[in-house]
Amino acid sequence: MLDKINLYIFKRFFYSFIISLIVFATILFIGDFVEQLRKSASKDVPLNIIFQLAALNFLSLIYFALPLIAFSGSILAYLGLIRGSEKIIINSVGISNIKITLPSIFLYFFLGIFFIAIINPLNALFNDRYSELEYRYIDRVDKFASITKNGLWLKQENSDKKISSVLFAKKIKEQGTHIIDFMILEYDQNGVFQGRLDGETAELQNGYWKMKHTQITPKFGSAYFKNEITYKTNIKPKDITDSLSSPTNISIWRLVPFIGFLESLGYSAIDFKMHLYDLVFLPFFMSSLALLASSIVRNLKQNDKFTKTIIYSLLIIFIIYFLSNLLEALGSTSQLDPMASKAILPVIITAISVIIYQLDNIRKIYINDRST
């Protein structure tokens, strides 16, 4: 009997989740399609490319809204059970509100695991393709930097010498503005090799690389050595950071080794760590929201008006996203440990839910104390 009831509750929550997902997916896709139209209005981008951009960005938007979809789906399922008197019947056979909540908690926990294990790698592929199309048709700029297993590669221009060059560095510091053990290969406008520079360190400063202990080998002539030189470049610090892979372009299965690889090069991997822990704690976040939804509607009856509940839910979602953004900012700036910044919110939501569930008992204890 209990298993059949749990299965029924599980199905109700799953159907409510699907309904919420469809509603949010429709709104998000239409909104993003309009945004892509706006971004490409003056770029003469074909309509099929705009549609591809919206489609490729779709899973990222769903991921961003997934906690909201989980919370909305939970509220919708509970209100449906209350309106149909099913919750009263289930309570009457000895099943408490907490036990009614357990199927939804398990549902959203496994949905979170499904998303990070199956959907996230697919989303990483979509994001990578989305970035390529956005660069080609909207931003219309080339990527300046690339990270490989060997080190950092940069493409740059030297307006003083009127040449282009490829820079390779085995190690980097300070987000790529300080390079160690580097090599520069110079080419003219026709792509003909013109010379090579090899140095120990270089620092990017106001349009110049300040190089130390550098050997210069021209195409014609003998190699010579300089302790310190300046080398003109069109590279800016922001170009290096923006040209590197976005955390969302890497699946969870590759994130851990990629973070270790970045740190071995000397590059800060804080954004990648934040994304990793965001994925790891997603199932716990969604489950805590299901528990919160249960605590909000715990005392609602069939004939009660649901307006206040909906207003409270909207207010709570606003507070949760405010806290989420605050913790994200603290984690991204290293004022808070990245893991802690993502783990704190589910713990807070769970604690608040438990406190709300205990409010009735707290009131009874308070009244008894007053009467005595």
Foldseek 3Di string as FASTA:
>chain_A
DLVVLLVVLLVLLVVLLVVLLVVVLVVQLVVQLVVLCVLQVPQPDDSVLSNLLSVLCSLVSCLVCVLVSLLRSLLVSVLVCQQVVVVVVVVVVPQALVNSLVSSLVNLLVVLVCCQPPVLLVSLQSVVVSVVSCCVRRVVDDQQWEADLQFIWGWWAFPVVQWIKIKGARAAADQRQKGAFMKIWIAHPVRHTFWMKTAGMWGDDDQKTWTAFMWTGTPDDHIDTDGIDITGTPDDSVSSNVSYDQLSNDRLVCLVVVCVSCVVRHHDCLRNLLVNLLSVCSSLSSSLSSLLSSLLCNPPHNPDDCPVVVVVSVVVVVVLVVLLVVLVVCSSVVVDPSNCSNPVSSVVSNVVSVVSVCPVVVVVVVVVVVVD
